[in-house]
Amino acid sequence: MMNPLHFALIGAAGYIAPRHMRAIFETGHRLEAALDKNDNVGVIDSYFPDADFFLEAERFDRHLDKLRRQGDKKIDYVSICSPNYLHDAHIRLALRNSCHAICEKPIVLNPWNLDALAEIEKETGKHIFTVLQLRYHPAIIKLRESIRQSPPEKIFDIDLTYITGRGKWYFMSWKGDPSKSGGIATNIGVHFFDMLIWIFGPVKENILHLQQADKAAGLLILEKARIRWFLSIDANTLPPEAKEKKQMTFRSITVEQEEIEFSGGFTDLHTETYKNILAGNGYGIADSRDAIQTVYVIRNARPIGLHGDYHPYLQMFK
């Protein structure tokens, strides 16, 4: 096996950070340094208790620069799990220190930020990768293959429903501020939009029916599909079967009214993502563009209300 690579991680106290730590651990590499303004990062002890930890970005940046100058201890990759609006700045921090970047989705909030990052890639010779883990889900790969074998003229009818109940804390955090999170469609929907575009082809039309602080819905017309989508963090919109089981999360994708089962198999997808990145097969800036453009349009669109072909769940708002 190759010598372990050196990783640093930004956003160590966040929800998604443990999956990145686990992926670094399971691929046989080392986390050397971590950054977060919050110090509730005991999860590091489960994987890399010897990692240096920083509360201030300036000292973390200085540390990466120091390790770079030491040569053999240089950081190879910086994993970025920080709030959405900071991704762009933290990617730049990584590349300035001659590191590759592995960034959680959304890689940026605005499409034009991708162009600027592409320029920095060229300048530094370092690569920016993003986590599009649903592209590695076995059920999603199987669905994509079946769609690719369908008649060219076939247009599929899809319903996407994703509800994940969140408490009052959500609106007090950065996630509740659209200028920082990108709003509901970006914060909880971008990976689903990426997955659907990956399967059914590029966007032809993007119609918004509902846009509220805690829910959004619309119609996305792709090359091979018409997708009615509904995203919500309002637990009151959970279907009766989820409420009866006291489940706070419900996800469903139906293709031609047939449910696609992909509720399991999520926990290992970050490790699979890292394996592919380290093998030279990771997803980069260009792979992110369509989904970033889609959620940007949704965020800035004016809802047309309950007109046309809208998601069945919107009946509850009549």
Protein backbone atom coordinates (compact mmCIF):
# COMPACT_ATOMS: atom_id res chain seq x y z
CA MET A 1 0.00 0.00 0.00
CA MET A 2 1.11 3.55 -0.71
CA ASN A 3 2.38 5.73 2.12
CA PRO A 4 -0.46 7.46 3.96
CA LEU A 5 -1.45 10.84 2.58
CA HIS A 6 -1.79 13.85 4.88
CA PHE A 7 -5.22 15.47 5.27
CA ALA A 8 -6.53 18.57 6.99
CA LEU A 9 -10.22 19.22 7.63
CA ILE A 10 -12.25 22.43 7.94
CA GLY A 11 -15.56 22.29 9.79
CA ALA A 12 -14.76 19.50 12.23
CA ALA A 13 -17.75 20.16 14.50
CA GLY A 14 -20.30 19.95 11.71
CA TYR A 15 -22.87 17.25 11.01
CA ILE A 16 -21.11 15.80 7.97
CA ALA A 17 -17.51 15.95 9.24
CA PRO A 18 -17.52 12.47 10.88
CA ARG A 19 -18.22 10.89 7.48
CA HIS A 20 -15.12 12.58 6.09
CA MET A 21 -13.01 11.50 9.08
CA ARG A 22 -14.23 7.96 8.63
CA ALA A 23 -13.47 8.06 4.89
CA ILE A 24 -9.92 9.29 5.54
CA PHE A 25 -9.47 6.57 8.18
CA GLU A 26 -10.96 3.75 6.08
CA THR A 27 -8.83 4.62 3.04
CA GLY A 28 -5.71 4.30 5.19
CA HIS A 29 -4.65 7.94 5.39
CA ARG A 30 -4.04 10.46 8.18
CA LEU A 31 -5.82 13.55 9.44
CA GLU A 32 -3.06 15.89 10.61
CA ALA A 33 -5.00 19.07 11.41
CA ALA A 34 -8.58 20.24 11.85
CA LEU A 35 -10.32 23.61 12.16
CA ASP A 36 -13.61 24.74 13.65
CA LYS A 37 -14.70 27.79 15.61
CA ASN A 38 -16.59 25.41 17.91
CA ASP A 39 -14.68 23.02 20.14
CA ASN A 40 -17.22 20.17 20.45
CA VAL A 41 -15.09 17.94 18.25
CA GLY A 42 -14.62 14.85 20.43
CA VAL A 43 -15.45 12.70 17.41
CA ILE A 44 -11.86 13.25 16.29
CA ASP A 45 -10.78 10.93 19.11
CA SER A 46 -12.51 8.01 17.39
CA TYR A 47 -10.29 8.35 14.35
CA PHE A 48 -7.29 10.69 14.74
CA PRO A 49 -6.68 11.72 18.36
CA ASP A 50 -3.22 13.05 17.47
CA ALA A 51 -4.54 15.58 14.95
CA ASP A 52 -3.75 19.21 15.72
CA PHE A 53 -6.86 21.31 16.29
CA PHE A 54 -7.42 25.01 15.67
CA LEU A 55 -10.22 27.41 16.56
CA GLU A 56 -9.00 30.25 14.32
CA ALA A 57 -8.61 30.10 10.54
CA GLU A 58 -5.54 32.35 10.65
CA ARG A 59 -3.60 29.94 12.88
CA PHE A 60 -4.79 26.95 10.84
CA ASP A 61 -3.65 28.67 7.63
CA ARG A 62 -0.26 29.40 9.22
CA HIS A 63 0.03 25.75 10.29
CA LEU A 64 -0.63 24.48 6.77
CA ASP A 65 1.98 26.87 5.42
CA LYS A 66 4.50 25.68 8.03
CA LEU A 67 3.86 22.02 7.14
CA ARG A 68 4.21 22.83 3.43
CA ARG A 69 7.64 24.31 4.05
CA GLN A 70 8.71 21.23 6.02
CA GLY A 71 8.25 19.14 2.88
CA ASP A 72 7.66 15.61 4.18
CA LYS A 73 4.76 16.74 6.39
CA LYS A 74 2.99 18.78 3.71
CA ILE A 75 -0.82 18.46 3.63
CA ASP A 76 -1.98 16.75 0.45
CA TYR A 77 -5.74 17.29 0.73
CA VAL A 78 -7.99 19.66 2.66
CA SER A 79 -11.50 18.32 3.30
CA ILE A 80 -14.07 21.11 3.56
CA CYS A 81 -17.20 20.59 5.68
CA SER A 82 -17.85 24.22 6.62
CA PRO A 83 -21.08 26.22 6.07
CA ASN A 84 -22.05 26.56 2.40
CA TYR A 85 -21.19 30.24 2.04
CA LEU A 86 -17.62 29.64 3.24
CA HIS A 87 -16.79 26.84 0.80
CA ASP A 88 -15.38 29.19 -1.83
CA ALA A 89 -13.01 30.89 0.64
CA HIS A 90 -11.91 27.61 2.20
CA ILE A 91 -11.20 26.04 -1.20
CA ARG A 92 -9.00 29.04 -1.97
CA LEU A 93 -7.22 28.60 1.38
CA ALA A 94 -6.47 24.98 0.49
CA LEU A 95 -5.12 25.73 -2.97
CA ARG A 96 -3.03 28.65 -1.69
CA ASN A 97 -1.29 26.12 0.53
CA SER A 98 -0.61 23.78 -2.43
CA CYS A 99 -3.28 21.29 -1.36
CA HIS A 100 -6.03 19.63 -3.32
CA ALA A 101 -9.54 20.38 -1.99
CA ILE A 102 -12.39 17.94 -1.31
CA CYS A 103 -15.50 20.01 -0.74
CA GLU A 104 -18.97 19.09 0.44
CA LYS A 105 -21.89 20.10 -1.74
CA PRO A 106 -22.86 22.68 -2.75
CA ILE A 107 -19.32 23.44 -3.80
CA VAL A 108 -20.37 27.11 -4.17
CA LEU A 109 -23.65 29.03 -4.08
CA ASN A 110 -23.38 30.91 -7.39
CA PRO A 111 -22.47 29.53 -10.84
CA TRP A 112 -19.94 32.28 -11.58
CA ASN A 113 -17.90 31.28 -8.53
CA LEU A 114 -17.09 28.05 -10.37
CA ASP A 115 -15.36 30.00 -13.14
CA ALA A 116 -13.14 31.83 -10.66
CA LEU A 117 -12.20 28.57 -8.93
CA ALA A 118 -11.37 26.97 -12.27
CA GLU A 119 -8.88 29.80 -12.86
CA ILE A 120 -7.27 29.15 -9.48
CA GLU A 121 -6.99 25.45 -10.34
CA LYS A 122 -5.03 26.40 -13.45
CA GLU A 123 -2.81 28.82 -11.54
CA THR A 124 -1.94 26.40 -8.74
CA GLY A 125 -2.02 23.07 -10.56
CA LYS A 126 -4.15 21.68 -7.72
CA HIS A 127 -7.57 20.06 -8.11
CA ILE A 128 -10.95 20.82 -6.55
CA PHE A 129 -13.18 17.79 -5.96
CA THR A 130 -16.75 17.73 -4.73
CA VAL A 131 -18.79 15.11 -2.89
CA LEU A 132 -21.57 13.82 -5.14
CA GLN A 133 -22.02 10.63 -3.20
CA LEU A 134 -25.41 9.61 -4.59
CA ARG A 135 -23.70 8.91 -7.91
CA TYR A 136 -22.07 5.94 -6.16
CA HIS A 137 -25.28 4.49 -4.71
CA PRO A 138 -25.88 1.03 -6.26
CA ALA A 139 -29.63 1.63 -6.74
CA ILE A 140 -28.99 4.97 -8.45
CA ILE A 141 -26.34 3.48 -10.74
CA LYS A 142 -28.77 0.69 -11.67
CA LEU A 143 -31.50 3.22 -12.43
CA ARG A 144 -29.16 5.28 -14.62
CA GLU A 145 -28.20 2.22 -16.64
CA SER A 146 -31.85 1.29 -17.21
CA ILE A 147 -32.71 4.85 -18.34
CA ARG A 148 -29.80 4.87 -20.78
CA GLN A 149 -31.18 1.70 -22.35
CA SER A 150 -34.70 3.14 -22.76
CA PRO A 151 -36.06 4.39 -26.12
CA PRO A 152 -34.59 7.82 -27.02
CA GLU A 153 -38.03 9.44 -27.25
CA LYS A 154 -39.18 8.18 -23.82
CA ILE A 155 -39.82 10.93 -21.23
CA PHE A 156 -40.17 9.65 -17.67
CA ASP A 157 -42.54 11.03 -15.04
CA ILE A 158 -40.75 11.44 -11.70
CA ASP A 159 -41.89 12.54 -8.25
CA LEU A 160 -39.18 13.54 -5.77
CA THR A 161 -40.22 14.01 -2.16
CA TYR A 162 -37.73 14.76 0.60
CA ILE A 163 -38.89 15.86 4.04
CA THR A 164 -36.53 16.05 6.99
CA GLY A 165 -38.01 17.66 10.10
CA ARG A 166 -35.92 20.37 11.71
CA GLY A 167 -36.47 22.24 14.96
CA LYS A 168 -36.35 25.94 15.82
CA TRP A 169 -32.54 25.81 16.05
CA TYR A 170 -32.37 25.53 12.24
CA PHE A 171 -33.58 29.08 11.70
CA MET A 172 -31.16 30.46 14.28
CA SER A 173 -28.20 28.79 12.55
CA TRP A 174 -26.51 29.68 9.26
CA LYS A 175 -28.76 27.11 7.58
CA GLY A 176 -31.78 29.34 8.16
CA ASP A 177 -30.15 32.29 6.35
CA PRO A 178 -30.57 31.90 2.55
CA SER A 179 -27.56 34.17 1.93
CA LYS A 180 -25.42 31.63 3.78
CA SER A 181 -27.09 28.31 2.99
CA GLY A 182 -28.69 29.09 -0.36
CA GLY A 183 -32.14 28.26 1.01
CA ILE A 184 -34.03 24.98 1.20
CA ALA A 185 -33.55 23.84 -2.40
CA THR A 186 -29.79 24.30 -2.13
CA ASN A 187 -29.23 23.15 1.43
CA ILE A 188 -31.18 19.88 1.36
CA GLY A 189 -31.90 19.41 -2.34
CA VAL A 190 -28.74 20.05 -4.36
CA HIS A 191 -27.51 16.44 -4.20
CA PHE A 192 -30.91 15.14 -5.36
CA PHE A 193 -30.96 17.58 -8.28
CA ASP A 194 -27.43 16.55 -9.21
CA MET A 195 -28.40 12.89 -9.10
CA LEU A 196 -31.49 13.41 -11.29
CA ILE A 197 -29.61 15.51 -13.86
CA TRP A 198 -26.89 12.83 -13.92
CA ILE A 199 -29.51 10.20 -14.68
CA PHE A 200 -32.00 12.02 -16.93
CA GLY A 201 -29.90 14.66 -18.69
CA PRO A 202 -29.63 18.46 -18.72
CA VAL A 203 -32.29 20.94 -17.63
CA LYS A 204 -34.67 22.26 -20.30
CA GLU A 205 -37.12 24.13 -18.05
CA ASN A 206 -37.17 25.05 -14.36
CA ILE A 207 -40.56 26.07 -12.89
CA LEU A 208 -41.06 27.06 -9.24
CA HIS A 209 -44.48 26.55 -7.62
CA LEU A 210 -43.76 27.22 -3.92
CA GLN A 211 -40.92 28.92 -2.05
CA GLN A 212 -41.06 29.37 1.72
CA ALA A 213 -38.43 29.43 4.44
CA ASP A 214 -39.09 25.80 5.33
CA LYS A 215 -40.34 24.26 2.08
CA ALA A 216 -40.16 24.56 -1.70
CA ALA A 217 -41.64 22.78 -4.70
CA GLY A 218 -41.49 22.94 -8.45
CA LEU A 219 -41.33 21.19 -11.80
CA LEU A 220 -38.00 20.39 -13.43
CA ILE A 221 -38.08 19.34 -17.07
CA LEU A 222 -34.98 17.44 -18.10
CA GLU A 223 -33.95 15.87 -21.38
CA LYS A 224 -35.49 12.52 -20.35
CA ALA A 225 -37.83 13.38 -17.47
CA ARG A 226 -40.51 15.61 -15.99
CA ILE A 227 -39.78 15.89 -12.26
CA ARG A 228 -42.29 17.18 -9.74
CA TRP A 229 -40.31 17.90 -6.59
CA PHE A 230 -41.15 18.81 -2.99
CA LEU A 231 -38.56 19.60 -0.31
CA SER A 232 -39.41 20.44 3.28
CA ILE A 233 -37.99 20.73 6.80
CA ASP A 234 -41.52 21.15 8.24
CA ALA A 235 -42.38 17.96 10.15
CA ASN A 236 -46.06 18.74 9.67
CA THR A 237 -45.69 17.86 5.98
CA LEU A 238 -44.50 14.31 6.74
CA PRO A 239 -46.87 11.64 5.35
CA PRO A 240 -49.06 9.73 7.85
CA GLU A 241 -46.98 6.55 7.59
CA ALA A 242 -43.84 8.42 8.68
CA LYS A 243 -45.65 10.17 11.52
CA GLU A 244 -47.05 6.86 12.79
CA LYS A 245 -43.53 5.43 12.96
CA LYS A 246 -42.29 8.69 14.55
CA GLN A 247 -39.81 9.13 11.71
CA MET A 248 -38.54 12.65 11.15
CA THR A 249 -37.21 11.94 7.67
CA PHE A 250 -39.04 10.74 4.57
CA ARG A 251 -37.47 10.40 1.13
CA SER A 252 -39.13 9.05 -1.95
CA ILE A 253 -38.40 8.96 -5.66
CA THR A 254 -40.96 7.39 -7.96
CA VAL A 255 -40.31 6.71 -11.64
CA GLU A 256 -43.52 6.13 -13.58
CA GLN A 257 -45.23 5.71 -10.16
CA GLU A 258 -42.80 2.95 -9.17
CA GLU A 259 -40.82 3.57 -6.00
CA ILE A 260 -37.03 3.52 -6.29
CA GLU A 261 -35.69 2.01 -3.08
CA PHE A 262 -32.50 3.79 -2.03
CA SER A 263 -33.09 4.45 1.67
CA GLY A 264 -30.23 2.18 2.70
CA GLY A 265 -26.57 2.21 1.73
CA PHE A 266 -25.90 5.88 2.47
CA THR A 267 -23.36 5.58 5.26
CA ASP A 268 -20.46 4.22 3.20
CA LEU A 269 -20.79 6.55 0.22
CA HIS A 270 -18.28 9.11 1.48
CA THR A 271 -15.64 6.40 1.73
CA GLU A 272 -16.48 5.35 -1.83
CA THR A 273 -16.18 9.01 -2.87
CA TYR A 274 -12.71 9.27 -1.33
CA LYS A 275 -11.57 6.02 -2.95
CA ASN A 276 -12.50 7.38 -6.35
CA ILE A 277 -10.90 10.78 -5.76
CA LEU A 278 -7.65 9.21 -4.60
CA ALA A 279 -7.69 6.86 -7.60
CA GLY A 280 -7.95 9.86 -9.95
CA ASN A 281 -11.66 9.42 -10.74
CA GLY A 282 -13.24 12.10 -8.57
CA TYR A 283 -15.92 14.59 -9.57
CA GLY A 284 -14.80 18.18 -10.02
CA ILE A 285 -16.00 21.67 -10.85
CA ALA A 286 -17.47 20.83 -14.25
CA ASP A 287 -19.51 17.97 -12.77
CA SER A 288 -21.09 20.35 -10.25
CA ARG A 289 -22.13 23.08 -12.66
CA ASP A 290 -25.60 21.88 -13.75
CA ALA A 291 -26.85 21.32 -10.20
CA ILE A 292 -25.40 24.63 -8.96
CA GLN A 293 -27.07 26.45 -11.85
CA THR A 294 -30.38 24.68 -11.14
CA VAL A 295 -30.57 25.62 -7.46
CA TYR A 296 -29.40 29.17 -8.24
CA VAL A 297 -32.34 29.58 -10.64
CA ILE A 298 -34.75 28.14 -8.06
CA ARG A 299 -33.43 30.46 -5.35
CA ASN A 300 -33.99 33.53 -7.50
CA ALA A 301 -37.24 32.51 -9.21
CA ARG A 302 -40.70 33.86 -8.46
CA PRO A 303 -43.19 31.10 -7.56
CA ILE A 304 -46.14 30.79 -9.94
CA GLY A 305 -48.39 29.20 -7.32
CA LEU A 306 -50.52 26.09 -7.76
CA HIS A 307 -50.74 26.15 -11.53
CA GLY A 308 -49.84 23.53 -14.10
CA ASP A 309 -48.28 20.20 -13.20
CA TYR A 310 -47.33 20.47 -9.53
CA HIS A 311 -46.33 17.99 -6.83
CA PRO A 312 -49.27 16.14 -5.20
CA TYR A 313 -48.19 17.29 -1.71
CA LEU A 314 -49.09 20.86 -2.66
CA GLN A 315 -52.74 19.87 -2.39
CA MET A 316 -52.36 20.44 1.36
CA PHE A 317 -51.77 24.16 0.70
CA LYS A 318 -54.97 24.71 -1.25
